[in-house]
Amino acid sequence: MKSNFHLKNRRVFTYSEYREYVDQLLLQNKTTGVNQSEALLEYTKMNVHRMKRWDKMAKLSPELSESLKQSLPQTWIVLAEAWCGDAAQSLPWINIMALTGNIELVILLRDENLDIMDSYLTNGGRSIPKLVALSKTNKELFNWGPRPNEVKLLFDKLKSEGLNHDDIITSVHAWYAKDRGKSISEEFTKLITLEDVLV
């Protein structure tokens, strides 16, 4: 399926540009987006530490590395915001996957690109990160997000049990730390393999 959006006239970031932009905002006690609450600022500070940690520790499985090296040339567009914890947990892994494969990684801020975001809602919500993989002919290969399926199930279970938001988020980030990228690696191995079937 052809995508119905283009990157022309949009503000785009590479992963390193995104990281630098977030760091510069924090120097001004700011985060991305219109909402500049103290809570979102604190989330952003924590997220910078999360990204730094995974930048150092993220290591792909041999199977995923091989699939990426053999993948078609493509562009991965990721909608994210600096205050989003799931984005911070996933972007370093997405970046190393892009560097390993023949993949151009482009990061867009969600709230500047609601026309794209609203084509990829999760249960009616603008959940991020959301990754859309496009071929060189602008055909959608697959999309992924906002979080690995296993932690999505955990989130939904805790929410249905009536836990408050802060406790749910604490459990979610504990899951990410324990999982160490295993789930995202497994999911992308399947997506990259499936991509060959779709073309």
N, C-alpha and C. Protein backbone atom coordinates (compact mmCIF):
# COMPACT_ATOMS: atom_id res chain seq x y z
N MET A 1 0.84 -1.19 0.00
CA MET A 1 0.00 0.00 0.00
C MET A 1 0.87 1.25 0.00
N LYS A 2 0.59 2.18 -0.91
CA LYS A 2 1.34 3.43 -0.98
C LYS A 2 1.00 4.30 0.22
N SER A 3 2.01 4.97 0.79
CA SER A 3 1.73 5.89 1.89
C SER A 3 1.16 7.18 1.29
N ASN A 4 0.32 7.84 2.06
CA ASN A 4 -0.31 9.07 1.56
C ASN A 4 0.30 10.32 2.19
N PHE A 5 1.54 10.21 2.67
CA PHE A 5 2.20 11.39 3.23
C PHE A 5 3.63 11.48 2.69
N HIS A 6 4.18 12.68 2.76
CA HIS A 6 5.54 12.92 2.30
C HIS A 6 6.29 13.71 3.35
N LEU A 7 7.62 13.65 3.30
CA LEU A 7 8.44 14.32 4.30
C LEU A 7 8.79 15.76 3.92
N LYS A 8 8.51 16.14 2.70
CA LYS A 8 8.84 17.49 2.25
C LYS A 8 8.14 18.53 3.13
N ASN A 9 8.88 19.58 3.50
CA ASN A 9 8.37 20.68 4.33
C ASN A 9 8.05 20.27 5.77
N ARG A 10 8.55 19.11 6.19
CA ARG A 10 8.41 18.71 7.59
C ARG A 10 9.77 18.83 8.28
N ARG A 11 9.74 19.12 9.58
CA ARG A 11 10.99 19.14 10.35
C ARG A 11 11.34 17.70 10.70
N VAL A 12 12.49 17.24 10.21
CA VAL A 12 12.90 15.85 10.43
C VAL A 12 14.22 15.82 11.19
N PHE A 13 14.42 14.74 11.93
CA PHE A 13 15.64 14.55 12.71
C PHE A 13 16.24 13.19 12.42
N THR A 14 17.56 13.12 12.33
CA THR A 14 18.24 11.84 12.48
C THR A 14 18.22 11.52 13.97
N TYR A 15 18.64 10.31 14.33
CA TYR A 15 18.67 9.97 15.77
C TYR A 15 19.62 10.89 16.52
N SER A 16 20.81 11.13 15.99
CA SER A 16 21.78 11.99 16.69
C SER A 16 21.27 13.42 16.78
N GLU A 17 20.59 13.90 15.73
CA GLU A 17 20.02 15.25 15.78
C GLU A 17 18.91 15.35 16.82
N TYR A 18 18.10 14.30 16.91
CA TYR A 18 17.03 14.25 17.90
C TYR A 18 17.60 14.30 19.31
N ARG A 19 18.63 13.48 19.55
CA ARG A 19 19.26 13.45 20.88
C ARG A 19 19.83 14.82 21.23
N GLU A 20 20.49 15.45 20.27
CA GLU A 20 21.09 16.77 20.50
C GLU A 20 20.01 17.82 20.74
N TYR A 21 18.92 17.74 19.98
CA TYR A 21 17.83 18.68 20.15
C TYR A 21 17.21 18.58 21.54
N VAL A 22 16.98 17.37 22.00
CA VAL A 22 16.41 17.16 23.34
C VAL A 22 17.36 17.69 24.41
N ASP A 23 18.66 17.43 24.25
CA ASP A 23 19.64 17.94 25.21
C ASP A 23 19.62 19.47 25.26
N GLN A 24 19.52 20.10 24.08
CA GLN A 24 19.48 21.57 24.03
C GLN A 24 18.22 22.11 24.69
N LEU A 25 17.11 21.46 24.48
CA LEU A 25 15.87 21.88 25.13
C LEU A 25 15.99 21.80 26.65
N LEU A 26 16.59 20.71 27.14
CA LEU A 26 16.73 20.53 28.59
C LEU A 26 17.59 21.62 29.22
N LEU A 27 18.58 22.10 28.48
CA LEU A 27 19.41 23.21 28.98
C LEU A 27 18.56 24.46 29.22
N GLN A 28 17.44 24.54 28.52
CA GLN A 28 16.51 25.67 28.69
C GLN A 28 15.32 25.31 29.58
N ASN A 29 15.43 24.15 30.26
CA ASN A 29 14.33 23.63 31.08
C ASN A 29 13.06 23.46 30.27
N LYS A 30 13.24 22.90 29.07
CA LYS A 30 12.10 22.65 28.18
C LYS A 30 12.12 21.21 27.70
N THR A 31 10.98 20.79 27.15
CA THR A 31 10.87 19.51 26.47
C THR A 31 10.22 19.75 25.11
N THR A 32 9.93 18.70 24.38
CA THR A 32 9.27 18.88 23.09
C THR A 32 7.77 19.08 23.30
N GLY A 33 7.14 19.69 22.33
CA GLY A 33 5.69 19.86 22.38
C GLY A 33 5.24 21.13 23.07
N VAL A 34 3.95 21.35 23.06
CA VAL A 34 3.36 22.56 23.62
C VAL A 34 3.29 22.49 25.15
N ASN A 35 2.99 21.32 25.67
CA ASN A 35 2.86 21.14 27.12
C ASN A 35 4.25 21.14 27.76
N GLN A 36 4.52 22.15 28.57
CA GLN A 36 5.82 22.29 29.21
C GLN A 36 5.71 22.11 30.74
N SER A 37 4.91 21.15 31.15
CA SER A 37 4.70 20.93 32.59
C SER A 37 5.96 20.38 33.26
N GLU A 38 6.04 20.57 34.56
CA GLU A 38 7.17 20.04 35.34
C GLU A 38 7.25 18.53 35.22
N ALA A 39 6.09 17.87 35.19
CA ALA A 39 6.07 16.41 35.09
C ALA A 39 6.71 15.95 33.78
N LEU A 40 6.34 16.57 32.66
CA LEU A 40 6.90 16.17 31.37
C LEU A 40 8.39 16.51 31.29
N LEU A 41 8.78 17.57 31.94
CA LEU A 41 10.21 17.92 31.98
C LEU A 41 10.99 16.85 32.74
N GLU A 42 10.45 16.38 33.85
CA GLU A 42 11.11 15.32 34.62
C GLU A 42 11.16 14.02 33.83
N TYR A 43 10.08 13.69 33.14
CA TYR A 43 10.08 12.50 32.29
C TYR A 43 11.18 12.59 31.24
N THR A 44 11.33 13.78 30.66
CA THR A 44 12.34 13.97 29.62
C THR A 44 13.75 13.75 30.16
N LYS A 45 14.01 14.26 31.35
CA LYS A 45 15.33 14.05 31.98
C LYS A 45 15.60 12.57 32.20
N MET A 46 14.60 11.85 32.69
CA MET A 46 14.76 10.39 32.89
C MET A 46 14.98 9.69 31.56
N ASN A 47 14.28 10.15 30.54
CA ASN A 47 14.37 9.51 29.23
C ASN A 47 15.74 9.68 28.59
N VAL A 48 16.39 10.81 28.83
CA VAL A 48 17.74 11.01 28.32
C VAL A 48 18.68 9.96 28.94
N HIS A 49 18.52 9.70 30.23
CA HIS A 49 19.34 8.66 30.89
C HIS A 49 19.03 7.28 30.32
N ARG A 50 17.76 7.01 30.05
CA ARG A 50 17.39 5.72 29.46
C ARG A 50 18.02 5.54 28.09
N MET A 51 17.96 6.58 27.26
CA MET A 51 18.54 6.48 25.92
C MET A 51 20.06 6.32 25.98
N LYS A 52 20.70 7.05 26.88
CA LYS A 52 22.16 6.92 27.04
C LYS A 52 22.54 5.49 27.42
N ARG A 53 21.76 4.92 28.33
CA ARG A 53 22.06 3.55 28.78
C ARG A 53 21.94 2.57 27.63
N TRP A 54 20.82 2.64 26.87
CA TRP A 54 20.64 1.70 25.76
C TRP A 54 21.59 1.98 24.61
N ASP A 55 21.97 3.24 24.42
CA ASP A 55 22.97 3.54 23.38
C ASP A 55 24.26 2.76 23.64
N LYS A 56 24.59 2.60 24.92
CA LYS A 56 25.81 1.88 25.29
C LYS A 56 25.61 0.37 25.30
N MET A 57 24.41 -0.09 25.70
CA MET A 57 24.21 -1.51 25.98
C MET A 57 23.49 -2.29 24.89
N ALA A 58 22.76 -1.60 24.01
CA ALA A 58 21.93 -2.31 23.02
C ALA A 58 22.79 -3.16 22.10
N LYS A 59 22.43 -4.42 21.98
CA LYS A 59 23.14 -5.35 21.10
C LYS A 59 22.11 -6.26 20.44
N LEU A 60 22.12 -6.26 19.11
CA LEU A 60 21.13 -7.04 18.37
C LEU A 60 21.51 -8.51 18.33
N SER A 61 20.49 -9.35 18.22
CA SER A 61 20.73 -10.78 18.06
C SER A 61 21.38 -11.03 16.70
N PRO A 62 22.17 -12.10 16.56
CA PRO A 62 22.77 -12.42 15.26
C PRO A 62 21.71 -12.60 14.17
N GLU A 63 20.58 -13.20 14.53
CA GLU A 63 19.51 -13.43 13.55
C GLU A 63 18.95 -12.10 13.03
N LEU A 64 18.70 -11.16 13.94
CA LEU A 64 18.16 -9.87 13.53
C LEU A 64 19.20 -9.10 12.71
N SER A 65 20.44 -9.13 13.13
CA SER A 65 21.51 -8.45 12.39
C SER A 65 21.59 -8.95 10.96
N GLU A 66 21.49 -10.26 10.80
CA GLU A 66 21.57 -10.86 9.46
C GLU A 66 20.37 -10.46 8.61
N SER A 67 19.18 -10.47 9.21
CA SER A 67 17.97 -10.06 8.48
C SER A 67 18.08 -8.60 8.03
N LEU A 68 18.60 -7.75 8.90
CA LEU A 68 18.73 -6.33 8.57
C LEU A 68 19.73 -6.11 7.44
N LYS A 69 20.83 -6.84 7.48
CA LYS A 69 21.86 -6.68 6.45
C LYS A 69 21.34 -7.09 5.07
N GLN A 70 20.36 -8.00 5.05
CA GLN A 70 19.81 -8.47 3.79
C GLN A 70 18.51 -7.76 3.41
N SER A 71 18.10 -6.79 4.22
CA SER A 71 16.81 -6.13 3.97
C SER A 71 16.88 -5.18 2.79
N LEU A 72 15.71 -4.86 2.26
CA LEU A 72 15.61 -3.91 1.16
C LEU A 72 15.97 -2.50 1.63
N PRO A 73 16.47 -1.64 0.74
CA PRO A 73 16.65 -0.23 1.11
C PRO A 73 15.29 0.36 1.50
N GLN A 74 15.25 1.06 2.60
CA GLN A 74 13.97 1.58 3.08
C GLN A 74 14.17 2.76 4.02
N THR A 75 13.06 3.41 4.33
CA THR A 75 13.06 4.52 5.28
C THR A 75 12.15 4.17 6.43
N TRP A 76 12.64 4.36 7.64
CA TRP A 76 11.81 4.18 8.83
C TRP A 76 11.47 5.56 9.38
N ILE A 77 10.19 5.87 9.44
CA ILE A 77 9.72 7.12 10.02
C ILE A 77 9.18 6.80 11.40
N VAL A 78 9.71 7.49 12.41
CA VAL A 78 9.27 7.24 13.78
C VAL A 78 8.69 8.52 14.36
N LEU A 79 7.46 8.43 14.84
CA LEU A 79 6.83 9.53 15.56
C LEU A 79 7.15 9.39 17.03
N ALA A 80 7.67 10.45 17.63
CA ALA A 80 8.10 10.38 19.03
C ALA A 80 7.98 11.77 19.67
N GLU A 81 8.17 11.80 20.97
CA GLU A 81 8.32 13.04 21.74
C GLU A 81 9.30 12.75 22.87
N ALA A 82 10.02 13.77 23.29
CA ALA A 82 11.08 13.58 24.29
C ALA A 82 10.56 13.10 25.64
N TRP A 83 9.32 13.45 25.98
CA TRP A 83 8.77 13.09 27.28
C TRP A 83 8.21 11.67 27.33
N CYS A 84 8.16 11.00 26.18
CA CYS A 84 7.54 9.67 26.10
C CYS A 84 8.51 8.57 26.53
N GLY A 85 8.18 7.87 27.60
CA GLY A 85 9.05 6.81 28.11
C GLY A 85 9.21 5.64 27.17
N ASP A 86 8.12 5.25 26.50
CA ASP A 86 8.22 4.13 25.55
C ASP A 86 9.14 4.49 24.38
N ALA A 87 9.08 5.74 23.94
CA ALA A 87 9.97 6.18 22.85
C ALA A 87 11.43 6.09 23.29
N ALA A 88 11.71 6.53 24.51
CA ALA A 88 13.09 6.49 25.02
C ALA A 88 13.60 5.06 25.13
N GLN A 89 12.72 4.13 25.49
CA GLN A 89 13.13 2.73 25.63
C GLN A 89 13.35 2.06 24.27
N SER A 90 12.68 2.54 23.22
CA SER A 90 12.73 1.87 21.92
C SER A 90 13.65 2.53 20.89
N LEU A 91 13.76 3.86 20.93
CA LEU A 91 14.53 4.55 19.89
C LEU A 91 15.98 4.10 19.77
N PRO A 92 16.71 3.88 20.88
CA PRO A 92 18.10 3.41 20.71
C PRO A 92 18.18 2.08 19.96
N TRP A 93 17.23 1.18 20.22
CA TRP A 93 17.21 -0.11 19.51
C TRP A 93 16.87 0.10 18.04
N ILE A 94 15.91 0.96 17.77
CA ILE A 94 15.53 1.26 16.38
C ILE A 94 16.72 1.88 15.65
N ASN A 95 17.46 2.75 16.33
CA ASN A 95 18.63 3.38 15.71
C ASN A 95 19.70 2.36 15.35
N ILE A 96 20.01 1.46 16.26
CA ILE A 96 21.06 0.48 15.95
C ILE A 96 20.61 -0.48 14.85
N MET A 97 19.29 -0.76 14.78
CA MET A 97 18.78 -1.57 13.68
C MET A 97 18.97 -0.85 12.35
N ALA A 98 18.66 0.45 12.33
CA ALA A 98 18.82 1.23 11.10
C ALA A 98 20.28 1.28 10.66
N LEU A 99 21.19 1.45 11.62
CA LEU A 99 22.62 1.51 11.30
C LEU A 99 23.12 0.17 10.76
N THR A 100 22.51 -0.93 11.23
CA THR A 100 22.92 -2.27 10.81
C THR A 100 22.40 -2.60 9.42
N GLY A 101 21.20 -2.14 9.11
CA GLY A 101 20.58 -2.43 7.81
C GLY A 101 20.74 -1.30 6.83
N ASN A 102 20.11 -1.44 5.69
CA ASN A 102 20.14 -0.42 4.64
C ASN A 102 18.94 0.50 4.84
N ILE A 103 18.95 1.18 6.00
CA ILE A 103 17.75 1.88 6.46
C ILE A 103 18.06 3.32 6.82
N GLU A 104 17.26 4.24 6.28
CA GLU A 104 17.34 5.64 6.67
C GLU A 104 16.32 5.85 7.79
N LEU A 105 16.79 6.31 8.93
CA LEU A 105 15.91 6.56 10.07
C LEU A 105 15.58 8.05 10.14
N VAL A 106 14.29 8.35 10.16
CA VAL A 106 13.81 9.73 10.25
C VAL A 106 12.87 9.83 11.45
N ILE A 107 13.15 10.77 12.33
CA ILE A 107 12.30 10.96 13.51
C ILE A 107 11.51 12.25 13.34
N LEU A 108 10.20 12.15 13.58
CA LEU A 108 9.31 13.30 13.53
C LEU A 108 8.69 13.49 14.91
N LEU A 109 8.46 14.73 15.30
CA LEU A 109 7.75 14.99 16.54
C LEU A 109 6.25 14.79 16.30
N ARG A 110 5.65 14.00 17.16
CA ARG A 110 4.24 13.64 16.96
C ARG A 110 3.34 14.86 16.80
N ASP A 111 3.47 15.82 17.72
CA ASP A 111 2.51 16.91 17.75
C ASP A 111 2.69 17.90 16.61
N GLU A 112 3.79 17.79 15.87
CA GLU A 112 3.98 18.59 14.67
C GLU A 112 3.47 17.85 13.42
N ASN A 113 3.08 16.61 13.59
CA ASN A 113 2.72 15.76 12.44
C ASN A 113 1.48 14.94 12.73
N LEU A 114 0.43 15.61 13.20
CA LEU A 114 -0.78 14.90 13.61
C LEU A 114 -1.49 14.26 12.42
N ASP A 115 -1.26 14.77 11.22
CA ASP A 115 -1.89 14.14 10.04
C ASP A 115 -1.36 12.73 9.85
N ILE A 116 -0.05 12.53 10.09
CA ILE A 116 0.51 11.18 10.02
C ILE A 116 0.06 10.36 11.22
N MET A 117 0.18 10.96 12.41
CA MET A 117 -0.18 10.25 13.64
C MET A 117 -1.61 9.72 13.56
N ASP A 118 -2.52 10.53 13.04
CA ASP A 118 -3.93 10.14 13.05
C ASP A 118 -4.25 9.03 12.05
N SER A 119 -3.28 8.67 11.23
CA SER A 119 -3.44 7.50 10.35
C SER A 119 -2.97 6.22 11.03
N TYR A 120 -2.35 6.36 12.22
CA TYR A 120 -1.77 5.20 12.91
C TYR A 120 -2.14 5.21 14.40
N LEU A 121 -3.41 5.42 14.68
CA LEU A 121 -3.86 5.45 16.07
C LEU A 121 -3.85 4.04 16.68
N THR A 122 -3.69 3.98 17.98
CA THR A 122 -3.76 2.72 18.73
C THR A 122 -4.97 2.80 19.65
N ASN A 123 -5.97 1.97 19.37
CA ASN A 123 -7.22 2.01 20.15
C ASN A 123 -7.79 3.43 20.22
N GLY A 124 -7.65 4.16 19.10
CA GLY A 124 -8.19 5.51 19.03
C GLY A 124 -7.30 6.58 19.63
N GLY A 125 -6.14 6.19 20.18
CA GLY A 125 -5.25 7.16 20.83
C GLY A 125 -3.97 7.40 20.05
N ARG A 126 -3.35 8.55 20.28
CA ARG A 126 -2.12 8.94 19.59
C ARG A 126 -0.89 8.41 20.34
N SER A 127 -0.83 7.10 20.48
CA SER A 127 0.24 6.46 21.25
C SER A 127 1.55 6.42 20.45
N ILE A 128 2.63 6.73 21.13
CA ILE A 128 3.96 6.72 20.50
C ILE A 128 4.94 5.93 21.37
N PRO A 129 6.05 5.49 20.75
CA PRO A 129 6.49 5.73 19.39
C PRO A 129 5.68 4.91 18.38
N LYS A 130 5.61 5.42 17.17
CA LYS A 130 4.99 4.69 16.07
C LYS A 130 5.97 4.72 14.91
N LEU A 131 6.34 3.53 14.43
CA LEU A 131 7.29 3.41 13.33
C LEU A 131 6.56 2.95 12.08
N VAL A 132 6.82 3.64 10.97
CA VAL A 132 6.27 3.26 9.67
C VAL A 132 7.44 3.02 8.73
N ALA A 133 7.54 1.81 8.18
CA ALA A 133 8.62 1.46 7.26
C ALA A 133 8.13 1.61 5.83
N LEU A 134 8.88 2.39 5.03
CA LEU A 134 8.52 2.65 3.65
C LEU A 134 9.63 2.18 2.71
N SER A 135 9.22 1.60 1.58
CA SER A 135 10.19 1.23 0.55
C SER A 135 10.63 2.49 -0.19
N LYS A 136 11.60 2.34 -1.07
CA LYS A 136 12.08 3.48 -1.84
C LYS A 136 11.01 4.01 -2.81
N THR A 137 9.97 3.21 -3.07
CA THR A 137 8.87 3.68 -3.92
C THR A 137 7.69 4.18 -3.08
N ASN A 138 7.96 4.42 -1.78
CA ASN A 138 6.97 4.97 -0.85
C ASN A 138 5.84 3.98 -0.52
N LYS A 139 6.12 2.69 -0.68
CA LYS A 139 5.15 1.66 -0.31
C LYS A 139 5.36 1.29 1.15
N GLU A 140 4.27 1.20 1.90
CA GLU A 140 4.39 0.83 3.31
C GLU A 140 4.72 -0.65 3.42
N LEU A 141 5.84 -0.95 4.08
CA LEU A 141 6.26 -2.34 4.28
C LEU A 141 5.66 -2.92 5.55
N PHE A 142 5.67 -2.13 6.62
CA PHE A 142 5.04 -2.53 7.87
C PHE A 142 5.01 -1.32 8.79
N ASN A 143 4.28 -1.44 9.90
CA ASN A 143 4.36 -0.43 10.95
C ASN A 143 4.42 -1.13 12.29
N TRP A 144 4.97 -0.44 13.27
CA TRP A 144 5.19 -1.04 14.60
C TRP A 144 4.99 0.03 15.66
N GLY A 145 4.56 -0.41 16.82
CA GLY A 145 4.47 0.48 17.97
C GLY A 145 3.06 0.48 18.55
N PRO A 146 2.90 1.10 19.69
CA PRO A 146 3.85 1.95 20.39
C PRO A 146 4.81 1.24 21.36
N ARG A 147 4.61 -0.05 21.56
CA ARG A 147 5.52 -0.77 22.48
C ARG A 147 5.48 -2.25 22.11
N PRO A 148 6.48 -3.01 22.54
CA PRO A 148 6.45 -4.46 22.27
C PRO A 148 5.17 -5.09 22.82
N ASN A 149 4.71 -6.13 22.16
CA ASN A 149 3.42 -6.72 22.49
C ASN A 149 3.34 -7.21 23.94
N GLU A 150 4.43 -7.79 24.43
CA GLU A 150 4.40 -8.33 25.80
C GLU A 150 4.17 -7.24 26.83
N VAL A 151 4.80 -6.09 26.66
CA VAL A 151 4.61 -5.00 27.63
C VAL A 151 3.27 -4.30 27.39
N LYS A 152 2.76 -4.36 26.17
CA LYS A 152 1.42 -3.85 25.90
C LYS A 152 0.39 -4.66 26.70
N LEU A 153 0.55 -5.99 26.69
CA LEU A 153 -0.36 -6.85 27.46
C LEU A 153 -0.26 -6.56 28.95
N LEU A 154 0.98 -6.33 29.43
CA LEU A 154 1.18 -5.99 30.85
C LEU A 154 0.48 -4.68 31.18
N PHE A 155 0.67 -3.68 30.33
CA PHE A 155 0.05 -2.36 30.54
C PHE A 155 -1.47 -2.50 30.61
N ASP A 156 -2.04 -3.22 29.64
CA ASP A 156 -3.50 -3.39 29.60
C ASP A 156 -4.02 -4.14 30.84
N LYS A 157 -3.25 -5.15 31.29
CA LYS A 157 -3.65 -5.94 32.45
C LYS A 157 -3.66 -5.07 33.72
N LEU A 158 -2.59 -4.30 33.91
CA LEU A 158 -2.49 -3.46 35.10
C LEU A 158 -3.56 -2.36 35.10
N LYS A 159 -3.82 -1.84 33.90
CA LYS A 159 -4.85 -0.81 33.78
C LYS A 159 -6.22 -1.37 34.12
N SER A 160 -6.50 -2.60 33.65
CA SER A 160 -7.80 -3.23 33.93
C SER A 160 -7.97 -3.56 35.40
N GLU A 161 -6.83 -3.73 36.10
CA GLU A 161 -6.87 -4.03 37.53
C GLU A 161 -7.03 -2.77 38.38
N GLY A 162 -7.03 -1.61 37.71
CA GLY A 162 -7.27 -0.36 38.42
C GLY A 162 -6.06 0.28 39.07
N LEU A 163 -4.85 -0.17 38.71
CA LEU A 163 -3.65 0.47 39.26
C LEU A 163 -3.57 1.91 38.79
N ASN A 164 -3.00 2.78 39.63
CA ASN A 164 -2.87 4.17 39.20
C ASN A 164 -1.76 4.30 38.16
N HIS A 165 -1.79 5.39 37.41
CA HIS A 165 -0.92 5.56 36.25
C HIS A 165 0.56 5.46 36.62
N ASP A 166 0.97 6.10 37.72
CA ASP A 166 2.38 6.09 38.11
C ASP A 166 2.88 4.68 38.40
N ASP A 167 2.06 3.87 39.07
CA ASP A 167 2.45 2.48 39.37
C ASP A 167 2.55 1.65 38.11
N ILE A 168 1.63 1.90 37.16
CA ILE A 168 1.68 1.18 35.88
C ILE A 168 2.98 1.52 35.16
N ILE A 169 3.31 2.80 35.10
CA ILE A 169 4.52 3.25 34.39
C ILE A 169 5.78 2.67 35.04
N THR A 170 5.80 2.61 36.37
CA THR A 170 6.94 2.02 37.09
C THR A 170 7.10 0.55 36.69
N SER A 171 6.01 -0.18 36.63
CA SER A 171 6.05 -1.60 36.23
C SER A 171 6.50 -1.76 34.79
N VAL A 172 6.03 -0.87 33.92
CA VAL A 172 6.38 -0.93 32.50
C VAL A 172 7.89 -0.73 32.32
N HIS A 173 8.45 0.25 33.01
CA HIS A 173 9.88 0.51 32.84
C HIS A 173 10.74 -0.57 33.51
N ALA A 174 10.22 -1.18 34.56
CA ALA A 174 10.91 -2.33 35.15
C ALA A 174 10.93 -3.48 34.15
N TRP A 175 9.84 -3.64 33.40
CA TRP A 175 9.79 -4.68 32.36
C TRP A 175 10.85 -4.42 31.30
N TYR A 176 10.95 -3.18 30.83
CA TYR A 176 11.94 -2.85 29.80
C TYR A 176 13.36 -3.19 30.28
N ALA A 177 13.65 -2.83 31.54
CA ALA A 177 14.99 -3.09 32.09
C ALA A 177 15.30 -4.57 32.14
N LYS A 178 14.30 -5.37 32.52
CA LYS A 178 14.49 -6.83 32.62
C LYS A 178 14.56 -7.47 31.23
N ASP A 179 13.76 -6.99 30.29
CA ASP A 179 13.68 -7.58 28.95
C ASP A 179 14.96 -7.33 28.14
N ARG A 180 15.59 -6.18 28.35
CA ARG A 180 16.87 -5.84 27.70
C ARG A 180 16.82 -5.95 26.17
N GLY A 181 15.69 -5.52 25.59
CA GLY A 181 15.58 -5.47 24.14
C GLY A 181 15.24 -6.78 23.46
N LYS A 182 15.05 -7.84 24.24
CA LYS A 182 14.77 -9.16 23.64
C LYS A 182 13.48 -9.14 22.82
N SER A 183 12.43 -8.55 23.37
CA SER A 183 11.13 -8.57 22.70
C SER A 183 11.13 -7.73 21.43
N ILE A 184 11.71 -6.54 21.50
CA ILE A 184 11.73 -5.69 20.30
C ILE A 184 12.57 -6.36 19.20
N SER A 185 13.65 -7.04 19.60
CA SER A 185 14.48 -7.74 18.62
C SER A 185 13.71 -8.87 17.94
N GLU A 186 12.97 -9.64 18.74
CA GLU A 186 12.19 -10.74 18.18
C GLU A 186 11.09 -10.23 17.25
N GLU A 187 10.43 -9.14 17.65
CA GLU A 187 9.35 -8.62 16.83
C GLU A 187 9.87 -8.07 15.51
N PHE A 188 11.01 -7.40 15.53
CA PHE A 188 11.55 -6.84 14.29
C PHE A 188 12.17 -7.92 13.41
N THR A 189 12.66 -8.99 14.00
CA THR A 189 13.15 -10.10 13.18
C THR A 189 12.01 -10.64 12.32
N LYS A 190 10.82 -10.78 12.91
CA LYS A 190 9.65 -11.27 12.17
C LYS A 190 9.21 -10.25 11.13
N LEU A 191 9.24 -8.97 11.47
CA LEU A 191 8.79 -7.93 10.54
C LEU A 191 9.71 -7.81 9.34
N ILE A 192 11.02 -7.90 9.58
CA ILE A 192 11.98 -7.81 8.48
C ILE A 192 11.84 -9.01 7.55
N THR A 193 11.61 -10.19 8.13
CA THR A 193 11.41 -11.40 7.33
C THR A 193 10.12 -11.29 6.52
N LEU A 194 9.07 -10.79 7.16
CA LEU A 194 7.78 -10.63 6.49
C LEU A 194 7.87 -9.64 5.33
N GLU A 195 8.72 -8.64 5.49
CA GLU A 195 8.89 -7.61 4.47
C GLU A 195 9.18 -8.21 3.09
N ASP A 196 9.99 -9.27 3.03
CA ASP A 196 10.32 -9.91 1.76
C ASP A 196 9.07 -10.50 1.08
N VAL A 197 8.14 -10.97 1.91
CA VAL A 197 6.91 -11.57 1.39
C VAL A 197 6.00 -10.49 0.82
N LEU A 198 6.03 -9.31 1.45
CA LEU A 198 5.11 -8.23 1.07
C LEU A 198 5.50 -7.55 -0.23
N VAL A 199 6.78 -7.59 -0.58
CA VAL A 199 7.24 -6.85 -1.75
C VAL A 199 6.84 -7.56 -3.05
